[in-house]
Amino acid sequence: MTTPAFDSAAAEAFSGKLLDTLNAGALSLMISVGHRTGLFDAMDGQGPATSGEIAERAKLDERYVREWLGAMATGGIVDVQEDGRHFRLPPEHAASLTRAASPDNMAVTAQWIPVLASVESEVVECFRKGGGVPYASYERFQEVMADESDQTVLAVLIEHILPGVPGLTRQLEEGIDVLDVGCGSGRALNRMAEAYPNSRFVGYDFSEEGVARANAEAERRGATNVHFFAKDAAKLDDSDRFDLVTAFDAIHDQASPDAVLAGIARALRGDGVFLMQDIAGSSHVHHDKQHPLGPFLYTISCMHCMTVSLADDGAGLGAMWGRETARRMLAEAGFGQVEVKSLPHDVINDYYTARK
């Protein structure tokens, strides 16, 4: 067998790609910093300003702001004038980086890079010994997940996601029983409870931190039609109780997703519906090469979704379990009718409507 000749041009091109990757990874971290500190918001709609002026506007330390601006300017995120002292965030860039840009604020998603990097050593150890990294190891997970949910779910929940199920909005207005599995900090369910006061809402999540945040928000809103409980989704003991069950980006990282789906099917009344938002993968890596966020989603899967499941001796499905596997597991759980949709605002997720 003849060994192919070394392609110097291909090697040089790949080396250039790696340089771009290193720069992009560094920029992702600094974009997260810009979001968390409010720097993008402070620069939004403003003319050229010095690091001192921007720091004063954002109420931050000037020296750190100056160095951050260096990364932003050399990375093409902000413009820097020829004097090297005045910086400006172009409105075309602000449209993807500020809180006002939600649900198109990609700086929110950049936060996953430092969150995942914080457990790198633990994940590396799992590569060597197996097992997984538990949820407790992830600093800020609930906070960042709630931020992400604000964009992918909350911003379009009432106008687009729920109307995607025929007749569901009318039912919610009249009054039905709703369960959200893996409710996290409860922002989606609290929003639904506010929009549909005649319906009754229950949220389950194994995270006591998330449930505490959810109940606190419900109390702030004065909501009496929504309640949250710390509960293992694999041990659902409700039967024929709910007209609607939702799960927003919550099934694939369960330790026992098959048990969770079977429990959801039991919890639904005969004509009830299960609305599941989950990652838009294909179950086949060679097809996922076409996904615009393929590397990002597989990285999140490896560094979080898969490993937290394995930490609990779980299935370790991973985020990219995909439509084919999801359809099969829904059928095995007792759902005979499954429809899959996508929404224009959300390149990451698919939306499943499942009935028994």
Protein backbone atom coordinates (compact mmCIF):
# COMPACT_ATOMS: atom_id res chain seq x y z
CA MET A 1 0.00 0.00 0.00
CA THR A 2 1.47 3.33 -1.09
CA THR A 3 1.69 6.05 1.56
CA PRO A 4 0.14 9.29 0.25
CA ALA A 5 2.61 12.12 -0.28
CA PHE A 6 2.68 14.77 2.43
CA ASP A 7 0.53 17.70 1.27
CA SER A 8 2.39 20.82 2.42
CA ALA A 9 -0.39 23.14 1.27
CA ALA A 10 -2.99 21.20 3.25
CA ALA A 11 -0.73 21.24 6.32
CA GLU A 12 -0.27 24.99 6.06
CA ALA A 13 -4.01 25.53 5.60
CA PHE A 14 -4.76 23.39 8.66
CA SER A 15 -2.18 25.28 10.72
CA GLY A 16 -3.94 28.50 9.77
CA LYS A 17 -7.26 27.00 10.80
CA LEU A 18 -5.81 26.16 14.22
CA LEU A 19 -4.60 29.74 14.63
CA ASP A 20 -8.12 30.93 13.86
CA THR A 21 -9.48 28.42 16.38
CA LEU A 22 -7.17 29.65 19.14
CA ASN A 23 -8.16 33.25 18.48
CA ALA A 24 -11.85 32.35 18.38
CA GLY A 25 -11.61 30.42 21.63
CA ALA A 26 -9.90 33.35 23.35
CA LEU A 27 -12.50 35.77 21.98
CA SER A 28 -15.31 33.53 23.26
CA LEU A 29 -13.94 33.89 26.78
CA MET A 30 -13.64 37.66 26.45
CA ILE A 31 -17.10 37.96 24.91
CA SER A 32 -18.44 36.18 28.00
CA VAL A 33 -16.60 38.71 30.16
CA GLY A 34 -18.08 41.55 28.09
CA HIS A 35 -21.57 40.19 28.67
CA ARG A 36 -21.18 39.57 32.39
CA THR A 37 -19.64 42.99 33.07
CA GLY A 38 -22.18 44.84 30.92
CA LEU A 39 -19.48 46.32 28.68
CA PHE A 40 -21.32 45.59 25.44
CA ASP A 41 -24.44 47.24 26.84
CA ALA A 42 -22.42 50.25 27.98
CA MET A 43 -20.97 50.69 24.47
CA ASP A 44 -24.23 50.09 22.62
CA GLY A 45 -25.40 53.15 20.69
CA GLN A 46 -22.44 55.27 21.83
CA GLY A 47 -19.84 57.05 19.75
CA PRO A 48 -16.07 56.47 19.94
CA ALA A 49 -14.82 56.59 23.52
CA THR A 50 -11.63 56.00 25.48
CA SER A 51 -11.15 53.06 27.83
CA GLY A 52 -11.55 55.47 30.73
CA GLU A 53 -14.86 56.80 29.44
CA ILE A 54 -16.17 53.30 28.78
CA ALA A 55 -15.02 52.09 32.20
CA GLU A 56 -16.74 55.04 33.89
CA ARG A 57 -19.94 54.38 31.98
CA ALA A 58 -19.88 50.68 32.95
CA LYS A 59 -18.63 51.39 36.52
CA LEU A 60 -15.58 49.13 36.03
CA ASP A 61 -11.82 49.30 36.55
CA GLU A 62 -10.18 51.14 33.64
CA ARG A 63 -7.06 48.96 33.41
CA TYR A 64 -9.11 45.80 32.91
CA VAL A 65 -11.42 47.52 30.44
CA ARG A 66 -8.42 48.72 28.43
CA GLU A 67 -6.98 45.20 28.12
CA TRP A 68 -10.40 43.78 27.26
CA LEU A 69 -10.76 46.39 24.53
CA GLY A 70 -7.40 45.23 23.16
CA ALA A 71 -8.80 41.73 22.66
CA MET A 72 -12.03 43.11 21.21
CA ALA A 73 -10.22 45.43 18.78
CA THR A 74 -7.65 42.92 17.53
CA GLY A 75 -10.44 40.35 17.20
CA GLY A 76 -12.61 42.64 15.08
CA ILE A 77 -15.41 42.82 17.64
CA VAL A 78 -15.10 46.56 18.30
CA ASP A 79 -13.59 49.29 16.08
CA VAL A 80 -10.51 51.19 17.20
CA GLN A 81 -9.58 54.57 15.72
CA GLU A 82 -6.13 55.43 14.34
CA ASP A 83 -5.14 57.14 17.58
CA GLY A 84 -5.39 53.75 19.31
CA ARG A 85 -7.39 55.31 22.16
CA HIS A 86 -10.99 55.54 20.99
CA PHE A 87 -13.23 52.50 20.62
CA ARG A 88 -16.71 51.94 19.24
CA LEU A 89 -19.10 48.98 19.11
CA PRO A 90 -20.67 49.01 15.60
CA PRO A 91 -24.46 48.67 15.67
CA GLU A 92 -24.18 45.66 13.34
CA HIS A 93 -22.10 43.93 16.04
CA ALA A 94 -24.28 45.14 18.90
CA ALA A 95 -27.16 43.32 17.21
CA SER A 96 -25.52 40.04 18.29
CA LEU A 97 -23.87 41.05 21.57
CA THR A 98 -26.13 43.15 23.80
CA ARG A 99 -28.97 42.32 26.15
CA ALA A 100 -31.22 44.52 24.04
CA ALA A 101 -30.54 42.18 21.09
CA SER A 102 -32.16 39.15 22.77
CA PRO A 103 -33.07 36.55 21.48
CA ASP A 104 -30.10 37.12 19.13
CA ASN A 105 -27.52 37.87 21.83
CA MET A 106 -24.73 35.36 21.17
CA ALA A 107 -22.71 36.71 24.12
CA VAL A 108 -25.10 34.77 26.35
CA THR A 109 -24.06 31.52 24.69
CA ALA A 110 -20.36 32.43 24.92
CA GLN A 111 -20.68 32.02 28.69
CA TRP A 112 -20.64 28.24 28.23
CA ILE A 113 -16.95 28.36 27.28
CA PRO A 114 -15.68 29.41 30.75
CA VAL A 115 -18.33 27.30 32.50
CA LEU A 116 -17.17 24.18 30.67
CA ALA A 117 -13.48 25.05 30.94
CA SER A 118 -13.82 25.16 34.73
CA VAL A 119 -14.26 21.36 34.82
CA GLU A 120 -11.64 20.47 32.20
CA SER A 121 -9.37 18.65 34.65
CA GLU A 122 -12.25 16.58 36.00
CA VAL A 123 -13.36 15.63 32.48
CA VAL A 124 -9.78 14.70 31.53
CA GLU A 125 -9.70 12.37 34.54
CA CYS A 126 -12.93 10.77 33.26
CA PHE A 127 -11.23 10.14 29.90
CA ARG A 128 -8.67 8.06 31.80
CA LYS A 129 -10.87 6.33 34.37
CA GLY A 130 -14.43 6.57 33.06
CA GLY A 131 -17.35 7.86 35.08
CA GLY A 132 -18.54 11.42 34.94
CA VAL A 133 -18.52 14.91 36.42
CA PRO A 134 -21.53 15.73 38.64
CA TYR A 135 -23.72 18.81 38.31
CA ALA A 136 -22.33 20.16 41.57
CA SER A 137 -18.95 20.76 39.90
CA TYR A 138 -20.35 23.35 37.49
CA GLU A 139 -20.14 26.87 38.84
CA ARG A 140 -22.86 29.21 37.55
CA PHE A 141 -24.64 26.42 35.66
CA GLN A 142 -28.14 27.38 36.80
CA GLU A 143 -27.46 31.06 36.16
CA VAL A 144 -26.14 30.54 32.63
CA MET A 145 -28.82 27.99 31.78
CA ALA A 146 -31.48 30.50 32.85
CA ASP A 147 -29.80 33.15 30.67
CA GLU A 148 -29.85 30.76 27.71
CA SER A 149 -33.47 29.83 28.40
CA ASP A 150 -34.41 33.51 28.34
CA GLN A 151 -33.30 33.60 24.71
CA THR A 152 -34.26 30.25 23.23
CA VAL A 153 -37.48 29.74 25.21
CA LEU A 154 -38.74 32.74 27.13
CA ALA A 155 -38.41 35.35 24.37
CA VAL A 156 -40.58 33.36 21.96
CA LEU A 157 -42.56 31.02 24.23
CA ILE A 158 -45.96 32.69 24.05
CA GLU A 159 -45.71 33.96 20.47
CA HIS A 160 -44.11 31.00 18.69
CA ILE A 161 -43.39 27.83 20.71
CA LEU A 162 -46.79 27.18 22.31
CA PRO A 163 -48.82 28.19 19.21
CA GLY A 164 -46.83 25.54 17.32
CA VAL A 165 -49.10 22.95 18.93
CA PRO A 166 -52.57 23.31 17.32
CA GLY A 167 -55.24 24.33 19.84
CA LEU A 168 -52.86 24.52 22.79
CA THR A 169 -53.08 28.27 23.35
CA ARG A 170 -56.88 28.09 23.56
CA GLN A 171 -56.67 25.22 26.08
CA LEU A 172 -54.21 27.17 28.22
CA GLU A 173 -56.49 30.19 28.18
CA GLU A 174 -59.45 28.06 29.29
CA GLY A 175 -57.45 26.27 31.98
CA ILE A 176 -55.46 23.01 31.98
CA ASP A 177 -52.90 21.22 34.17
CA VAL A 178 -49.28 21.64 33.08
CA LEU A 179 -46.02 20.01 34.21
CA ASP A 180 -42.52 21.19 33.25
CA VAL A 181 -39.88 18.47 33.68
CA GLY A 182 -36.37 19.76 34.34
CA CYS A 183 -37.72 23.25 35.01
CA GLY A 184 -34.39 24.65 36.20
CA SER A 185 -34.88 28.18 37.53
CA GLY A 186 -38.49 28.10 36.37
CA ARG A 187 -38.49 31.11 34.09
CA ALA A 188 -40.49 29.44 31.31
CA LEU A 189 -43.14 28.09 33.67
CA ASN A 190 -43.44 31.38 35.56
CA ARG A 191 -43.93 33.15 32.24
CA MET A 192 -46.66 30.68 31.27
CA ALA A 193 -48.35 31.00 34.66
CA GLU A 194 -48.48 34.77 34.21
CA ALA A 195 -49.81 34.54 30.65
CA TYR A 196 -52.46 31.89 31.42
CA PRO A 197 -53.93 32.56 34.89
CA ASN A 198 -56.71 29.98 34.44
CA SER A 199 -54.21 27.11 34.07
CA ARG A 200 -52.32 25.33 36.85
CA PHE A 201 -48.55 24.77 36.62
CA VAL A 202 -46.10 22.45 38.35
CA GLY A 203 -42.32 22.33 37.86
CA TYR A 204 -39.95 19.49 38.78
CA ASP A 205 -36.16 19.69 38.90
CA PHE A 206 -33.60 17.72 40.89
CA SER A 207 -31.61 20.92 41.57
CA GLU A 208 -32.66 22.43 44.88
CA GLU A 209 -30.87 25.64 43.85
CA GLY A 210 -32.94 25.86 40.66
CA VAL A 211 -36.20 25.13 42.49
CA ALA A 212 -35.41 27.77 45.11
CA ARG A 213 -34.82 30.34 42.37
CA ALA A 214 -38.08 29.33 40.66
CA ASN A 215 -40.21 29.58 43.81
CA ALA A 216 -38.61 32.90 44.72
CA GLU A 217 -39.49 34.33 41.31
CA ALA A 218 -43.06 33.02 41.57
CA GLU A 219 -43.37 34.71 44.96
CA ARG A 220 -42.02 37.99 43.56
CA ARG A 221 -44.59 37.83 40.80
CA GLY A 222 -47.38 37.05 43.23
CA ALA A 223 -48.26 33.93 41.25
CA THR A 224 -50.55 31.44 42.98
CA ASN A 225 -51.07 29.05 40.05
CA VAL A 226 -47.50 27.73 39.86
CA HIS A 227 -45.46 25.56 42.25
CA PHE A 228 -41.98 24.05 42.01
CA PHE A 229 -40.61 20.92 43.66
CA ALA A 230 -37.20 19.24 43.91
CA LYS A 231 -37.79 15.86 42.32
CA ASP A 232 -35.90 13.24 40.33
CA ALA A 233 -37.50 13.18 36.89
CA ALA A 234 -36.75 9.45 36.60
CA LYS A 235 -39.07 8.79 39.54
CA LEU A 236 -42.23 10.51 38.35
CA ASP A 237 -45.16 9.02 40.23
CA ASP A 238 -47.94 11.09 38.67
CA SER A 239 -50.59 9.22 36.72
CA ASP A 240 -53.18 10.64 34.33
CA ARG A 241 -52.73 14.06 35.94
CA PHE A 242 -51.57 16.55 33.29
CA ASP A 243 -52.92 17.85 29.98
CA LEU A 244 -49.54 19.23 28.91
CA VAL A 245 -46.01 18.23 29.86
CA THR A 246 -43.06 20.31 28.67
CA ALA A 247 -39.32 19.64 28.76
CA PHE A 248 -37.04 22.40 27.54
CA ASP A 249 -33.55 21.09 26.73
CA ALA A 250 -33.82 18.64 29.62
CA ILE A 251 -34.17 15.05 28.38
CA HIS A 252 -30.83 14.21 26.76
CA ASP A 253 -28.72 14.73 29.88
CA GLN A 254 -30.93 12.64 32.16
CA ALA A 255 -29.32 9.60 33.78
CA SER A 256 -32.36 7.51 32.80
CA PRO A 257 -34.01 9.24 29.84
CA ASP A 258 -36.08 6.16 29.03
CA ALA A 259 -37.59 6.17 32.54
CA VAL A 260 -38.21 9.91 32.34
CA LEU A 261 -40.06 9.63 29.02
CA ALA A 262 -42.11 6.65 30.26
CA GLY A 263 -43.01 8.62 33.40
CA ILE A 264 -44.08 11.58 31.29
CA ALA A 265 -46.32 9.33 29.20
CA ARG A 266 -47.96 7.98 32.38
CA ALA A 267 -48.41 11.46 33.81
CA LEU A 268 -50.32 12.64 30.73
CA ARG A 269 -54.06 12.25 30.40
CA GLY A 270 -55.29 10.30 27.41
CA ASP A 271 -55.55 13.30 25.07
CA GLY A 272 -52.58 15.13 26.57
CA VAL A 273 -49.52 16.36 24.71
CA PHE A 274 -45.80 16.30 25.43
CA LEU A 275 -43.89 19.32 24.10
CA MET A 276 -40.14 18.70 24.06
CA GLN A 277 -37.43 21.12 23.03
CA ASP A 278 -34.13 19.35 22.46
CA ILE A 279 -30.91 19.65 20.50
CA ALA A 280 -31.21 19.53 16.70
CA GLY A 281 -28.82 16.69 15.99
CA SER A 282 -29.15 13.84 13.51
CA SER A 283 -27.90 10.85 15.59
CA HIS A 284 -25.15 10.47 12.94
CA VAL A 285 -21.90 12.41 13.23
CA HIS A 286 -21.24 12.40 9.48
CA HIS A 287 -24.54 14.23 8.97
CA ASP A 288 -23.86 16.58 11.87
CA LYS A 289 -20.83 17.90 9.97
CA GLN A 290 -23.34 20.13 8.19
CA HIS A 291 -24.66 21.60 11.46
CA PRO A 292 -23.55 25.25 11.80
CA LEU A 293 -22.80 24.66 15.51
CA GLY A 294 -21.68 21.04 15.31
CA PRO A 295 -18.31 21.42 17.09
CA PHE A 296 -19.83 23.65 19.76
CA LEU A 297 -22.67 21.24 20.52
CA TYR A 298 -20.47 18.15 20.63
CA THR A 299 -18.13 20.03 22.98
CA ILE A 300 -21.00 20.94 25.31
CA SER A 301 -22.11 17.32 25.17
CA CYS A 302 -18.67 15.97 26.08
CA MET A 303 -18.00 18.57 28.77
CA HIS A 304 -21.47 18.58 30.34
CA CYS A 305 -24.51 16.72 29.00
CA MET A 306 -22.91 13.30 28.57
CA THR A 307 -20.67 13.43 31.63
CA VAL A 308 -23.33 14.55 34.14
CA SER A 309 -25.43 11.57 33.07
CA LEU A 310 -22.47 9.19 33.39
CA ALA A 311 -21.68 10.65 36.82
CA ASP A 312 -24.99 9.17 37.96
CA ASP A 313 -24.28 5.82 36.26
CA GLY A 314 -26.63 6.95 33.53
CA ALA A 315 -27.11 6.35 29.83
CA GLY A 316 -24.78 9.17 28.76
CA LEU A 317 -26.87 9.97 25.68
CA GLY A 318 -25.18 13.31 25.11
CA ALA A 319 -26.63 16.43 23.56
CA MET A 320 -26.35 15.11 20.01
CA TRP A 321 -28.54 12.04 20.54
CA GLY A 322 -30.47 13.33 17.54
CA ARG A 323 -33.89 13.05 15.96
CA GLU A 324 -33.68 9.36 15.09
CA THR A 325 -32.83 8.30 18.63
CA ALA A 326 -35.35 10.73 20.10
CA ARG A 327 -38.14 9.39 17.88
CA ARG A 328 -37.26 5.79 18.78
CA MET A 329 -37.21 6.50 22.51
CA LEU A 330 -40.47 8.44 22.38
CA ALA A 331 -42.11 5.50 20.60
CA GLU A 332 -40.74 3.06 23.19
CA ALA A 333 -42.16 5.27 25.94
CA GLY A 334 -45.64 4.98 24.44
CA PHE A 335 -45.93 8.00 22.18
CA GLY A 336 -47.54 6.88 18.93
CA GLN A 337 -47.71 10.30 17.27
CA VAL A 338 -44.60 12.45 17.05
CA GLU A 339 -44.11 15.61 15.00
CA VAL A 340 -40.81 17.51 14.82
CA LYS A 341 -40.54 21.20 13.95
CA SER A 342 -37.86 23.86 13.93
CA LEU A 343 -38.22 27.58 14.58
CA PRO A 344 -36.42 30.35 12.65
CA HIS A 345 -34.96 31.95 15.79
CA ASP A 346 -33.37 28.74 17.07
CA VAL A 347 -30.65 26.94 15.10
CA ILE A 348 -29.75 24.82 18.14
CA ASN A 349 -33.04 23.07 18.94
CA ASP A 350 -35.85 21.00 17.49
CA TYR A 351 -39.39 21.06 18.90
CA TYR A 352 -41.22 17.74 19.34
CA THR A 353 -44.97 17.38 19.76
CA ALA A 354 -45.76 13.87 21.04
CA ARG A 355 -49.08 12.20 21.81
CA LYS A 356 -49.96 8.73 23.02
